[in-house]
Amino acid sequence: MNAFMDQSNWAVIRISGPDRLKSLNNMCTQDIKRMIPGQSSETFITNLQGKTIGFCTVQMFQDEILIRSNPESLEQVLKALDKYAIFDDSKIEEITNSLDQLALIGDLAISPIFKFLKIESHETLKSDVADFSPVYSFPDPSTGLSGIVVMGNKGLNQKLVSLIESQATALSFTEYNRLRVLNTWPNYNQDIRPDNLPQEIDRDKTAIHFNKGCYLGQETVARLDALGHVNRILMGFIWEPSSQSITPESAINQVILNQMEQQVGEIRSATIGPKAGQILGIAMIRIKSLELSPYISEDPTGSLKFMKLEEFRIHFHSIE
């Protein structure tokens, strides 16, 4: 696949100043102080109760940090950073509206961009490009495919698309969502909601550092880690409905019941599967309910199977 997608509406916050590492480190689950320029990571932003108010990627540069997410988490994240970093010597600003942002997938789409930016890799880089400087480029983990995001001043997207339009196609939101779901990359306010604890999203290995020291909500996260389990968790699912009229769009928010007709979960993201009528997706589910053959409330006779997110990613990684 060689494709591009305009993501200029994605939320971007810049943190600069001498205390920039401290300001972000005190608010998130990732060990920001151990990151060096040229690195990217992912993190949860948490509140005092340890609940998730944002899921972001972090891009580390020599003189600034950029955090980026789908638009729905911007307001709460910005408000929290402003509130708790008030005594730090750092500057926190939303820069979304000043940027063009283009996501690129595939070697044929990326190679001309590398040549234009005079770079040679998927590393997290900041380039000086006439008319568009600074231009940021960094890996895009959301689809699970070889990809980068390029950001710079307005007009950049038009220039980049002109370089690759004969070799790549525009990626629709539906197709991007399909790749994202198959890669189990969570969207805030859809897969992740304000009442979720970070461990319920099952990205401990990539987004949570359990030995980094204090941060807002750390006590709750640490206590849950000590207990060794959560009561509910995001999981991948394979659903073969009994009715062909059910679509991925109509599957979202469908309620999951147990054999005692108690609500034990809900579907949060969905896409088409490789078989006709099959639906794949991400659901929040109570772990104990898996012992009692949970089912979709609107489709009690359909086939429903749950898988751990890592297992789901591996199983469906070849679907493009």
Protein backbone atom coordinates (compact mmCIF):
# COMPACT_ATOMS: atom_id res chain seq x y z
CA MET A 1 0.00 0.00 0.00
CA ASN A 2 1.18 3.49 -0.91
CA ALA A 3 -1.12 6.16 0.41
CA PHE A 4 -1.39 9.53 2.11
CA MET A 5 -3.93 11.17 4.40
CA ASP A 6 -4.40 14.78 5.42
CA GLN A 7 -4.39 14.83 9.24
CA SER A 8 -4.17 18.59 9.74
CA ASN A 9 -7.01 18.45 12.28
CA TRP A 10 -4.99 16.24 14.65
CA ALA A 11 -4.17 18.00 17.90
CA VAL A 12 -0.57 19.14 18.42
CA ILE A 13 0.81 20.75 21.58
CA ARG A 14 4.31 22.19 21.81
CA ILE A 15 6.16 22.32 25.13
CA SER A 16 9.32 24.43 25.27
CA GLY A 17 11.48 26.08 27.93
CA PRO A 18 14.00 24.76 30.50
CA ASP A 19 11.38 22.79 32.48
CA ARG A 20 9.69 21.17 29.47
CA LEU A 21 10.73 17.63 30.45
CA LYS A 22 9.53 18.12 34.01
CA SER A 23 6.19 19.63 32.94
CA LEU A 24 5.24 16.66 30.77
CA ASN A 25 6.86 14.00 32.94
CA ASN A 26 4.73 15.07 35.91
CA MET A 27 1.53 14.50 33.93
CA CYS A 28 2.01 11.25 32.06
CA THR A 29 2.76 7.53 32.36
CA GLN A 30 5.86 7.55 30.12
CA ASP A 31 9.34 8.31 31.48
CA ILE A 32 9.87 11.53 29.54
CA LYS A 33 13.11 12.40 31.34
CA ARG A 34 14.80 9.34 29.84
CA MET A 35 13.89 10.26 26.29
CA ILE A 36 16.54 11.88 24.10
CA PRO A 37 16.14 14.11 21.02
CA GLY A 38 15.22 12.00 18.02
CA GLN A 39 12.99 9.62 19.97
CA SER A 40 9.23 9.11 19.82
CA SER A 41 7.01 7.24 22.24
CA GLU A 42 3.40 7.00 23.35
CA THR A 43 1.88 7.90 26.67
CA PHE A 44 -1.30 8.33 28.66
CA ILE A 45 -2.03 11.69 30.26
CA THR A 46 -3.73 11.08 33.60
CA ASN A 47 -5.66 13.11 36.15
CA LEU A 48 -5.36 13.11 39.94
CA GLN A 49 -7.54 9.97 40.19
CA GLY A 50 -5.36 8.11 37.67
CA LYS A 51 -8.03 8.21 34.97
CA THR A 52 -7.03 8.75 31.35
CA ILE A 53 -7.62 12.22 29.92
CA GLY A 54 -5.46 11.71 26.84
CA PHE A 55 -3.55 9.18 24.76
CA CYS A 56 -0.73 10.85 22.83
CA THR A 57 2.44 10.27 20.90
CA VAL A 58 5.48 12.18 22.15
CA GLN A 59 8.15 13.54 19.79
CA MET A 60 11.37 14.69 21.43
CA PHE A 61 13.53 17.39 19.82
CA GLN A 62 16.59 19.31 20.97
CA ASP A 63 14.70 22.39 22.15
CA GLU A 64 11.05 21.33 22.34
CA ILE A 65 8.61 18.46 22.79
CA LEU A 66 5.57 17.87 20.61
CA ILE A 67 2.64 15.78 21.78
CA ARG A 68 0.02 14.70 19.26
CA SER A 69 -3.31 12.92 19.39
CA ASN A 70 -6.62 12.55 17.64
CA PRO A 71 -8.52 15.83 18.20
CA GLU A 72 -10.93 14.68 20.90
CA SER A 73 -8.46 14.71 23.78
CA LEU A 74 -6.94 18.13 23.13
CA GLU A 75 -9.06 20.29 25.43
CA GLN A 76 -8.60 18.23 28.60
CA VAL A 77 -4.88 17.63 28.00
CA LEU A 78 -4.17 21.30 27.37
CA LYS A 79 -6.17 22.35 30.42
CA ALA A 80 -4.33 19.87 32.67
CA LEU A 81 -0.87 20.84 31.41
CA ASP A 82 -1.64 24.54 31.88
CA LYS A 83 -2.95 23.94 35.40
CA TYR A 84 -0.22 21.74 36.82
CA ALA A 85 2.78 23.30 35.05
CA ILE A 86 1.94 26.83 36.17
CA PHE A 87 5.05 27.09 38.37
CA ASP A 88 7.40 25.49 35.82
CA ASP A 89 9.62 27.48 33.49
CA SER A 90 7.97 26.05 30.39
CA LYS A 91 5.72 27.29 27.62
CA ILE A 92 2.74 25.15 26.60
CA GLU A 93 0.88 26.06 23.44
CA GLU A 94 -1.48 24.46 20.98
CA ILE A 95 -0.09 24.82 17.44
CA THR A 96 -2.59 22.69 15.50
CA ASN A 97 -4.02 25.51 13.40
CA SER A 98 -0.60 26.68 12.22
CA LEU A 99 0.36 23.30 10.76
CA ASP A 100 -0.23 21.12 7.76
CA GLN A 101 -0.01 17.43 8.72
CA LEU A 102 0.28 14.57 6.25
CA ALA A 103 0.42 10.88 7.11
CA LEU A 104 2.22 8.71 4.53
CA ILE A 105 2.23 4.95 4.14
CA GLY A 106 4.47 2.82 1.94
CA ASP A 107 7.95 3.14 0.41
CA LEU A 108 6.77 4.69 -2.86
CA ALA A 109 4.99 7.43 -0.93
CA ILE A 110 7.79 8.02 1.56
CA SER A 111 10.91 7.93 -0.65
CA PRO A 112 10.20 11.20 -2.55
CA ILE A 113 9.43 12.88 0.78
CA PHE A 114 12.76 11.73 2.23
CA LYS A 115 14.51 13.22 -0.81
CA PHE A 116 12.62 16.51 -0.47
CA LEU A 117 13.38 16.78 3.24
CA LYS A 118 16.97 15.57 2.71
CA ILE A 119 16.59 12.83 5.29
CA GLU A 120 17.20 9.10 5.05
CA SER A 121 15.14 7.39 7.72
CA HIS A 122 11.91 7.14 9.69
CA GLU A 123 13.57 8.70 12.73
CA THR A 124 12.10 11.64 14.61
CA LEU A 125 13.64 14.65 12.89
CA LYS A 126 13.30 18.41 12.58
CA SER A 127 14.34 19.78 9.17
CA ASP A 128 14.93 23.22 7.70
CA VAL A 129 12.91 23.44 4.49
CA ALA A 130 12.39 26.74 2.68
CA ASP A 131 8.87 28.22 3.10
CA PHE A 132 7.72 25.45 5.47
CA SER A 133 10.28 25.44 8.32
CA PRO A 134 10.49 23.91 10.72
CA VAL A 135 9.33 20.63 9.23
CA TYR A 136 8.86 17.72 11.64
CA SER A 137 8.88 14.07 10.58
CA PHE A 138 8.42 11.04 12.80
CA PRO A 139 7.21 7.41 12.64
CA ASP A 140 3.47 6.80 12.52
CA PRO A 141 2.61 3.79 14.71
CA SER A 142 -1.15 3.95 14.21
CA THR A 143 -1.56 1.65 11.19
CA GLY A 144 1.14 -0.92 11.91
CA LEU A 145 2.53 -0.34 8.41
CA SER A 146 5.68 1.48 7.34
CA GLY A 147 4.69 5.11 7.66
CA ILE A 148 5.60 8.61 8.76
CA VAL A 149 3.85 11.84 9.65
CA VAL A 150 5.23 15.08 8.22
CA MET A 151 4.22 18.44 9.72
CA GLY A 152 5.11 22.00 8.75
CA ASN A 153 3.74 25.41 7.87
CA LYS A 154 0.56 25.78 5.84
CA GLY A 155 1.04 24.85 2.20
CA LEU A 156 3.29 21.89 2.99
CA ASN A 157 0.64 19.26 2.26
CA GLN A 158 0.04 20.62 -1.24
CA LYS A 159 3.76 20.44 -1.97
CA LEU A 160 4.15 16.93 -0.58
CA VAL A 161 1.11 15.56 -2.41
CA SER A 162 2.44 16.98 -5.69
CA LEU A 163 5.60 14.92 -5.17
CA ILE A 164 3.80 11.60 -4.67
CA GLU A 165 0.37 11.83 -6.32
CA SER A 166 1.46 9.64 -9.25
CA GLN A 167 2.68 6.92 -6.88
CA ALA A 168 0.22 7.05 -3.97
CA THR A 169 -3.50 7.42 -3.43
CA ALA A 170 -5.48 9.41 -0.90
CA LEU A 171 -6.48 7.25 2.04
CA SER A 172 -10.11 7.65 3.09
CA PHE A 173 -11.11 7.90 6.72
CA THR A 174 -12.87 4.52 6.42
CA GLU A 175 -9.75 2.80 5.13
CA TYR A 176 -7.52 4.50 7.69
CA ASN A 177 -9.93 3.44 10.44
CA ARG A 178 -9.75 -0.14 9.17
CA LEU A 179 -5.95 -0.15 9.38
CA ARG A 180 -6.06 1.49 12.80
CA VAL A 181 -8.52 -1.05 14.18
CA LEU A 182 -6.60 -4.03 12.79
CA ASN A 183 -3.53 -2.58 14.50
CA THR A 184 -5.60 -2.01 17.69
CA TRP A 185 -4.47 1.62 17.86
CA PRO A 186 -6.94 3.29 20.25
CA ASN A 187 -8.71 6.60 19.64
CA TYR A 188 -9.44 8.81 22.61
CA ASN A 189 -13.16 9.35 23.33
CA GLN A 190 -13.92 6.22 21.32
CA ASP A 191 -11.83 3.26 22.49
CA ILE A 192 -10.45 5.18 25.47
CA ARG A 193 -12.90 7.18 27.57
CA PRO A 194 -12.47 9.50 30.56
CA ASP A 195 -13.45 6.77 33.06
CA ASN A 196 -10.72 4.39 31.86
CA LEU A 197 -7.58 3.59 33.81
CA PRO A 198 -4.41 3.29 31.68
CA GLN A 199 -3.98 -0.46 32.30
CA GLU A 200 -7.47 -1.11 30.94
CA ILE A 201 -6.19 -0.11 27.49
CA ASP A 202 -3.58 -2.92 27.52
CA ARG A 203 -0.62 -0.87 26.28
CA ASP A 204 1.51 -1.25 29.41
CA LYS A 205 4.65 -2.25 27.48
CA THR A 206 4.66 0.78 25.20
CA ALA A 207 2.92 3.56 27.12
CA ILE A 208 3.48 3.03 30.87
CA HIS A 209 6.77 3.18 32.79
CA PHE A 210 6.14 1.74 36.25
CA ASN A 211 9.45 2.86 37.80
CA LYS A 212 9.63 6.48 36.68
CA GLY A 213 8.68 8.09 39.99
CA CYS A 214 5.84 10.42 40.87
CA TYR A 215 3.32 11.88 38.44
CA LEU A 216 -0.31 12.92 38.63
CA GLY A 217 -2.39 9.78 39.20
CA GLN A 218 0.69 7.60 39.78
CA GLU A 219 -0.61 6.20 43.06
CA THR A 220 -3.68 4.70 41.39
CA VAL A 221 -1.67 3.26 38.48
CA ALA A 222 0.92 1.75 40.87
CA ARG A 223 -1.72 0.27 43.17
CA LEU A 224 -3.44 -1.39 40.24
CA ASP A 225 -0.11 -2.76 39.04
CA ALA A 226 0.51 -4.22 42.52
CA LEU A 227 -2.87 -5.97 42.41
CA GLY A 228 -1.79 -7.58 39.15
CA HIS A 229 -5.03 -7.28 37.21
CA VAL A 230 -7.85 -5.04 36.04
CA ASN A 231 -11.54 -5.91 36.06
CA ARG A 232 -12.08 -4.87 32.46
CA ILE A 233 -9.83 -4.43 29.45
CA LEU A 234 -9.80 -3.59 25.76
CA MET A 235 -9.85 -6.70 23.61
CA GLY A 236 -10.08 -7.50 19.94
CA PHE A 237 -13.14 -9.37 18.74
CA ILE A 238 -14.31 -11.38 15.75
CA TRP A 239 -18.08 -11.20 15.25
CA GLU A 240 -20.01 -13.15 12.66
CA PRO A 241 -23.55 -11.75 12.97
CA SER A 242 -26.59 -13.84 12.26
CA SER A 243 -27.93 -10.98 10.13
CA GLN A 244 -26.15 -9.60 7.08
CA SER A 245 -27.73 -6.19 7.72
CA ILE A 246 -25.30 -5.40 10.56
CA THR A 247 -22.47 -3.11 9.45
CA PRO A 248 -19.32 -1.88 11.22
CA GLU A 249 -21.01 1.50 11.65
CA SER A 250 -24.05 -0.01 13.33
CA ALA A 251 -21.83 -2.27 15.46
CA ILE A 252 -20.22 0.60 17.36
CA ASN A 253 -21.63 0.98 20.90
CA GLN A 254 -23.46 -2.35 20.69
CA VAL A 255 -23.91 -3.73 24.20
CA ILE A 256 -22.31 -7.02 25.26
CA LEU A 257 -24.25 -9.19 27.74
CA ASN A 258 -23.49 -12.32 29.74
CA GLN A 259 -25.75 -15.36 30.14
CA MET A 260 -27.54 -13.64 33.03
CA GLU A 261 -28.34 -10.71 30.70
CA GLN A 262 -26.06 -8.34 32.60
CA GLN A 263 -24.14 -5.74 30.62
CA VAL A 264 -20.46 -6.69 30.67
CA GLY A 265 -19.04 -4.58 27.86
CA GLU A 266 -19.54 -2.69 24.65
CA ILE A 267 -18.07 -2.42 21.17
CA ARG A 268 -15.97 0.71 20.71
CA SER A 269 -14.48 0.38 17.20
CA ALA A 270 -15.35 -1.86 14.29
CA THR A 271 -14.39 -2.62 10.70
CA ILE A 272 -15.06 -5.25 8.07
CA GLY A 273 -13.37 -8.64 8.31
CA PRO A 274 -11.90 -10.86 5.58
CA LYS A 275 -15.05 -12.99 5.38
CA ALA A 276 -18.33 -11.72 3.97
CA GLY A 277 -20.44 -10.18 6.74
CA GLN A 278 -17.69 -10.60 9.34
CA ILE A 279 -16.94 -7.69 11.69
CA LEU A 280 -13.66 -7.14 13.51
CA GLY A 281 -13.00 -4.57 16.17
CA ILE A 282 -12.14 -3.42 19.65
CA ALA A 283 -14.39 -3.80 22.70
CA MET A 284 -14.17 -2.97 26.38
CA ILE A 285 -15.10 -6.15 28.24
CA ARG A 286 -15.22 -7.35 31.85
CA ILE A 287 -12.66 -10.13 32.10
CA LYS A 288 -14.72 -12.49 34.26
CA SER A 289 -17.56 -12.41 31.73
CA LEU A 290 -15.37 -14.31 29.23
CA GLU A 291 -16.06 -17.45 31.27
CA LEU A 292 -19.80 -17.14 30.58
CA SER A 293 -19.95 -16.89 26.77
CA PRO A 294 -20.80 -13.18 26.34
CA TYR A 295 -22.89 -12.17 23.35
CA ILE A 296 -24.06 -9.05 21.52
CA SER A 297 -27.42 -7.95 22.92
CA GLU A 298 -28.90 -7.34 19.46
CA ASP A 299 -27.55 -10.62 18.07
CA PRO A 300 -27.73 -13.41 20.66
CA THR A 301 -27.24 -16.19 18.08
CA GLY A 302 -24.26 -14.68 16.30
CA SER A 303 -20.73 -15.99 16.72
CA LEU A 304 -18.51 -13.84 18.96
CA LYS A 305 -14.86 -14.47 19.85
CA PHE A 306 -12.50 -12.28 21.91
CA MET A 307 -8.73 -12.08 21.62
CA LYS A 308 -6.01 -10.23 23.50
CA LEU A 309 -4.97 -7.13 21.57
CA GLU A 310 -1.48 -8.40 20.80
CA GLU A 311 -2.87 -11.70 19.52
CA PHE A 312 -5.46 -9.84 17.45
CA ARG A 313 -2.77 -7.58 15.88
CA ILE A 314 -0.59 -10.54 14.93
CA HIS A 315 -3.51 -12.52 13.56
CA PHE A 316 -4.81 -9.75 11.29
CA HIS A 317 -1.58 -7.87 10.49
CA SER A 318 -1.51 -9.18 6.93
CA ILE A 319 -4.91 -7.63 6.10
CA GLU A 320 -4.40 -4.39 4.15
